[in-house]
Amino acid sequence: MMVISVPVFVYLSYPMFLAAYRALKNRNLNMDVMYSMEIGVAFISRILGTFKIILSSEFLFDETAILLATFLTLGKYLEQKEKEKHRKR
C-alpha cells in the first residue's frame, strides 16, 4: 500500500509544501503552512507505524495523508474555478 500511495502523496502535496516553504521564508504564517503540517504529521506517523519505529501497527492510517492532500487540492481547485467565474462577470 505504501509503495502505491507515496507517489500520489508527493504529487498532491508538493505544491502545498512549496507554498508553505515560501510563506515561512517570507516570515508569513498562512493556511498552506497549517495544511503542510497536517499532511506532514500524518505521513510521518504512517511511516513510523509501518516500520514500527516508534508507533505500533495500530497507528496505521494509510489513507489519512492522501485524503487530506486530495481534499485540500480539490478545495483549492474549486476555489480557483469560482474566482475565475466571478472575474469574468
N, C-alpha and C. Protein backbone atom coordinates (compact mmCIF):
# COMPACT_ATOMS: atom_id res chain seq x y z
N MET A 1 0.83 -1.20 0.00
CA MET A 1 0.00 0.00 0.00
C MET A 1 0.87 1.26 0.00
N MET A 2 1.95 1.21 0.74
CA MET A 2 2.80 2.39 0.85
C MET A 2 3.49 2.70 -0.47
N VAL A 3 3.88 1.67 -1.21
CA VAL A 3 4.56 1.87 -2.49
C VAL A 3 3.65 2.58 -3.48
N ILE A 4 2.39 2.26 -3.45
CA ILE A 4 1.43 2.88 -4.37
C ILE A 4 1.09 4.30 -3.92
N SER A 5 0.98 4.52 -2.63
CA SER A 5 0.48 5.80 -2.15
C SER A 5 1.54 6.90 -2.07
N VAL A 6 2.82 6.55 -1.98
CA VAL A 6 3.85 7.59 -1.86
C VAL A 6 3.91 8.49 -3.09
N PRO A 7 3.90 7.96 -4.33
CA PRO A 7 3.90 8.87 -5.49
C PRO A 7 2.68 9.78 -5.54
N VAL A 8 1.53 9.24 -5.17
CA VAL A 8 0.31 10.06 -5.14
C VAL A 8 0.44 11.15 -4.09
N PHE A 9 0.96 10.79 -2.94
CA PHE A 9 1.16 11.76 -1.86
C PHE A 9 2.10 12.87 -2.30
N VAL A 10 3.21 12.51 -2.92
CA VAL A 10 4.19 13.51 -3.35
C VAL A 10 3.59 14.41 -4.41
N TYR A 11 2.86 13.84 -5.36
CA TYR A 11 2.26 14.63 -6.44
C TYR A 11 1.24 15.62 -5.90
N LEU A 12 0.42 15.19 -4.97
CA LEU A 12 -0.64 16.06 -4.45
C LEU A 12 -0.13 17.08 -3.44
N SER A 13 0.84 16.70 -2.63
CA SER A 13 1.23 17.59 -1.54
C SER A 13 2.42 18.48 -1.87
N TYR A 14 3.13 18.21 -2.94
CA TYR A 14 4.30 19.03 -3.28
C TYR A 14 3.97 20.51 -3.43
N PRO A 15 2.90 20.89 -4.16
CA PRO A 15 2.58 22.33 -4.26
C PRO A 15 2.29 22.98 -2.90
N MET A 16 1.66 22.23 -2.00
CA MET A 16 1.36 22.80 -0.68
C MET A 16 2.63 22.97 0.15
N PHE A 17 3.52 21.99 0.09
CA PHE A 17 4.79 22.12 0.81
C PHE A 17 5.63 23.25 0.24
N LEU A 18 5.60 23.42 -1.06
CA LEU A 18 6.35 24.51 -1.69
C LEU A 18 5.79 25.87 -1.28
N ALA A 19 4.46 25.99 -1.28
CA ALA A 19 3.83 27.25 -0.85
C ALA A 19 4.11 27.53 0.63
N ALA A 20 4.11 26.49 1.44
CA ALA A 20 4.41 26.67 2.87
C ALA A 20 5.86 27.09 3.07
N TYR A 21 6.75 26.51 2.30
CA TYR A 21 8.17 26.89 2.39
C TYR A 21 8.35 28.36 2.02
N ARG A 22 7.69 28.79 0.95
CA ARG A 22 7.79 30.20 0.54
C ARG A 22 7.21 31.13 1.60
N ALA A 23 6.10 30.72 2.20
CA ALA A 23 5.49 31.55 3.24
C ALA A 23 6.40 31.66 4.46
N LEU A 24 6.99 30.56 4.87
CA LEU A 24 7.89 30.59 6.02
C LEU A 24 9.16 31.37 5.72
N LYS A 25 9.61 31.28 4.48
CA LYS A 25 10.80 32.02 4.07
C LYS A 25 10.55 33.53 4.17
N ASN A 26 9.32 33.94 3.89
CA ASN A 26 8.92 35.35 3.98
C ASN A 26 8.39 35.71 5.37
N ARG A 27 8.55 34.82 6.32
CA ARG A 27 8.08 35.02 7.70
C ARG A 27 6.58 35.30 7.75
N ASN A 28 5.85 34.46 7.06
CA ASN A 28 4.41 34.62 6.98
C ASN A 28 3.76 33.27 7.29
N LEU A 29 2.83 33.27 8.22
CA LEU A 29 2.07 32.05 8.50
C LEU A 29 0.73 32.14 7.79
N ASN A 30 0.45 31.16 6.96
CA ASN A 30 -0.83 31.14 6.26
C ASN A 30 -1.40 29.72 6.30
N MET A 31 -2.47 29.51 5.57
CA MET A 31 -3.13 28.22 5.59
C MET A 31 -2.27 27.12 4.99
N ASP A 32 -1.41 27.45 4.05
CA ASP A 32 -0.54 26.44 3.45
C ASP A 32 0.42 25.85 4.48
N VAL A 33 0.86 26.66 5.41
CA VAL A 33 1.74 26.16 6.47
C VAL A 33 0.98 25.17 7.35
N MET A 34 -0.25 25.51 7.70
CA MET A 34 -1.06 24.62 8.52
C MET A 34 -1.36 23.31 7.78
N TYR A 35 -1.74 23.42 6.50
CA TYR A 35 -2.02 22.23 5.71
C TYR A 35 -0.79 21.34 5.60
N SER A 36 0.35 21.93 5.39
CA SER A 36 1.59 21.15 5.25
C SER A 36 1.94 20.45 6.55
N MET A 37 1.70 21.12 7.66
CA MET A 37 1.96 20.48 8.95
C MET A 37 1.03 19.29 9.16
N GLU A 38 -0.24 19.44 8.83
CA GLU A 38 -1.20 18.34 8.97
C GLU A 38 -0.80 17.15 8.12
N ILE A 39 -0.53 17.41 6.86
CA ILE A 39 -0.20 16.34 5.94
C ILE A 39 1.14 15.70 6.31
N GLY A 40 2.10 16.52 6.69
CA GLY A 40 3.41 16.00 7.07
C GLY A 40 3.36 15.11 8.29
N VAL A 41 2.61 15.52 9.31
CA VAL A 41 2.48 14.71 10.52
C VAL A 41 1.76 13.40 10.21
N ALA A 42 0.72 13.44 9.40
CA ALA A 42 0.01 12.22 9.03
C ALA A 42 0.93 11.27 8.26
N PHE A 43 1.73 11.81 7.36
CA PHE A 43 2.62 10.97 6.56
C PHE A 43 3.74 10.38 7.42
N ILE A 44 4.33 11.19 8.28
CA ILE A 44 5.41 10.70 9.14
C ILE A 44 4.90 9.64 10.12
N SER A 45 3.72 9.85 10.68
CA SER A 45 3.17 8.84 11.59
C SER A 45 2.87 7.54 10.85
N ARG A 46 2.49 7.64 9.59
CA ARG A 46 2.26 6.44 8.80
C ARG A 46 3.55 5.67 8.59
N ILE A 47 4.64 6.39 8.29
CA ILE A 47 5.93 5.73 8.10
C ILE A 47 6.40 5.09 9.40
N LEU A 48 6.27 5.81 10.51
CA LEU A 48 6.70 5.27 11.80
C LEU A 48 5.86 4.06 12.19
N GLY A 49 4.58 4.08 11.87
CA GLY A 49 3.72 2.93 12.17
C GLY A 49 3.98 1.75 11.25
N THR A 50 4.30 2.03 10.00
CA THR A 50 4.56 0.94 9.05
C THR A 50 5.80 0.15 9.44
N PHE A 51 6.84 0.85 9.78
CA PHE A 51 8.09 0.18 10.12
C PHE A 51 8.23 -0.08 11.62
N LYS A 52 7.18 0.23 12.39
CA LYS A 52 7.14 0.01 13.84
C LYS A 52 8.35 0.62 14.54
N ILE A 53 8.71 1.83 14.12
CA ILE A 53 9.86 2.51 14.71
C ILE A 53 9.50 3.04 16.10
N ILE A 54 8.51 3.88 16.17
CA ILE A 54 8.07 4.41 17.46
C ILE A 54 6.63 3.97 17.72
N LEU A 55 5.81 4.08 16.71
CA LEU A 55 4.40 3.72 16.85
C LEU A 55 4.19 2.26 16.49
N SER A 56 3.18 1.66 17.07
CA SER A 56 2.88 0.28 16.73
C SER A 56 2.03 0.25 15.46
N SER A 57 1.77 -0.93 14.98
CA SER A 57 0.99 -1.05 13.74
C SER A 57 -0.47 -0.68 13.93
N GLU A 58 -0.89 -0.44 15.17
CA GLU A 58 -2.25 0.02 15.42
C GLU A 58 -2.46 1.44 14.91
N PHE A 59 -1.38 2.18 14.70
CA PHE A 59 -1.46 3.56 14.26
C PHE A 59 -1.29 3.70 12.76
N LEU A 60 -1.67 2.70 12.02
CA LEU A 60 -1.56 2.78 10.56
C LEU A 60 -2.80 3.46 10.00
N PHE A 61 -2.61 4.64 9.50
CA PHE A 61 -3.67 5.39 8.84
C PHE A 61 -3.18 5.69 7.44
N ASP A 62 -3.13 4.67 6.60
CA ASP A 62 -2.54 4.83 5.27
C ASP A 62 -3.26 5.87 4.43
N GLU A 63 -4.55 5.95 4.59
CA GLU A 63 -5.31 6.83 3.72
C GLU A 63 -5.37 8.27 4.22
N THR A 64 -5.02 8.53 5.45
CA THR A 64 -5.22 9.85 6.04
C THR A 64 -4.44 10.94 5.33
N ALA A 65 -3.16 10.74 5.11
CA ALA A 65 -2.34 11.77 4.46
C ALA A 65 -2.81 12.02 3.03
N ILE A 66 -3.15 10.96 2.33
CA ILE A 66 -3.59 11.12 0.94
C ILE A 66 -4.96 11.77 0.87
N LEU A 67 -5.86 11.39 1.76
CA LEU A 67 -7.19 12.02 1.76
C LEU A 67 -7.10 13.50 2.11
N LEU A 68 -6.27 13.85 3.08
CA LEU A 68 -6.08 15.27 3.40
C LEU A 68 -5.55 16.03 2.19
N ALA A 69 -4.53 15.49 1.55
CA ALA A 69 -3.95 16.16 0.38
C ALA A 69 -4.96 16.25 -0.75
N THR A 70 -5.75 15.19 -0.95
CA THR A 70 -6.75 15.19 -2.02
C THR A 70 -7.83 16.23 -1.77
N PHE A 71 -8.38 16.25 -0.57
CA PHE A 71 -9.45 17.20 -0.27
C PHE A 71 -8.95 18.65 -0.30
N LEU A 72 -7.76 18.88 0.18
CA LEU A 72 -7.22 20.24 0.15
C LEU A 72 -6.93 20.69 -1.28
N THR A 73 -6.42 19.79 -2.10
CA THR A 73 -6.17 20.12 -3.50
C THR A 73 -7.48 20.36 -4.24
N LEU A 74 -8.47 19.53 -3.97
CA LEU A 74 -9.79 19.71 -4.58
C LEU A 74 -10.41 21.04 -4.15
N GLY A 75 -10.28 21.38 -2.88
CA GLY A 75 -10.81 22.65 -2.38
C GLY A 75 -10.14 23.85 -3.03
N LYS A 76 -8.83 23.78 -3.19
CA LYS A 76 -8.12 24.88 -3.86
C LYS A 76 -8.52 24.99 -5.32
N TYR A 77 -8.72 23.85 -5.97
CA TYR A 77 -9.14 23.85 -7.37
C TYR A 77 -10.53 24.48 -7.51
N LEU A 78 -11.46 24.08 -6.67
CA LEU A 78 -12.82 24.63 -6.74
C LEU A 78 -12.82 26.13 -6.41
N GLU A 79 -12.01 26.54 -5.46
CA GLU A 79 -11.90 27.96 -5.13
C GLU A 79 -11.37 28.76 -6.33
N GLN A 80 -10.37 28.23 -7.00
CA GLN A 80 -9.80 28.91 -8.17
C GLN A 80 -10.82 29.01 -9.29
N LYS A 81 -11.60 27.95 -9.51
CA LYS A 81 -12.63 27.98 -10.56
C LYS A 81 -13.69 29.03 -10.25
N GLU A 82 -14.09 29.15 -8.99
CA GLU A 82 -15.08 30.16 -8.61
C GLU A 82 -14.53 31.57 -8.78
N LYS A 83 -13.28 31.77 -8.43
CA LYS A 83 -12.68 33.09 -8.62
C LYS A 83 -12.63 33.46 -10.09
N GLU A 84 -12.29 32.50 -10.94
CA GLU A 84 -12.26 32.77 -12.38
C GLU A 84 -13.65 33.08 -12.91
N LYS A 85 -14.65 32.39 -12.40
CA LYS A 85 -16.02 32.62 -12.84
C LYS A 85 -16.48 34.02 -12.48
N HIS A 86 -16.14 34.49 -11.29
CA HIS A 86 -16.56 35.81 -10.85
C HIS A 86 -15.76 36.93 -11.50
N ARG A 87 -14.55 36.66 -11.93
CA ARG A 87 -13.77 37.67 -12.64
C ARG A 87 -14.34 37.95 -14.02
N LYS A 88 -14.94 36.95 -14.64
CA LYS A 88 -15.49 37.11 -15.99
C LYS A 88 -16.77 37.91 -16.01
N ARG A 89 -17.41 38.07 -14.88
CA ARG A 89 -18.69 38.80 -14.82
C ARG A 89 -18.50 40.25 -15.02
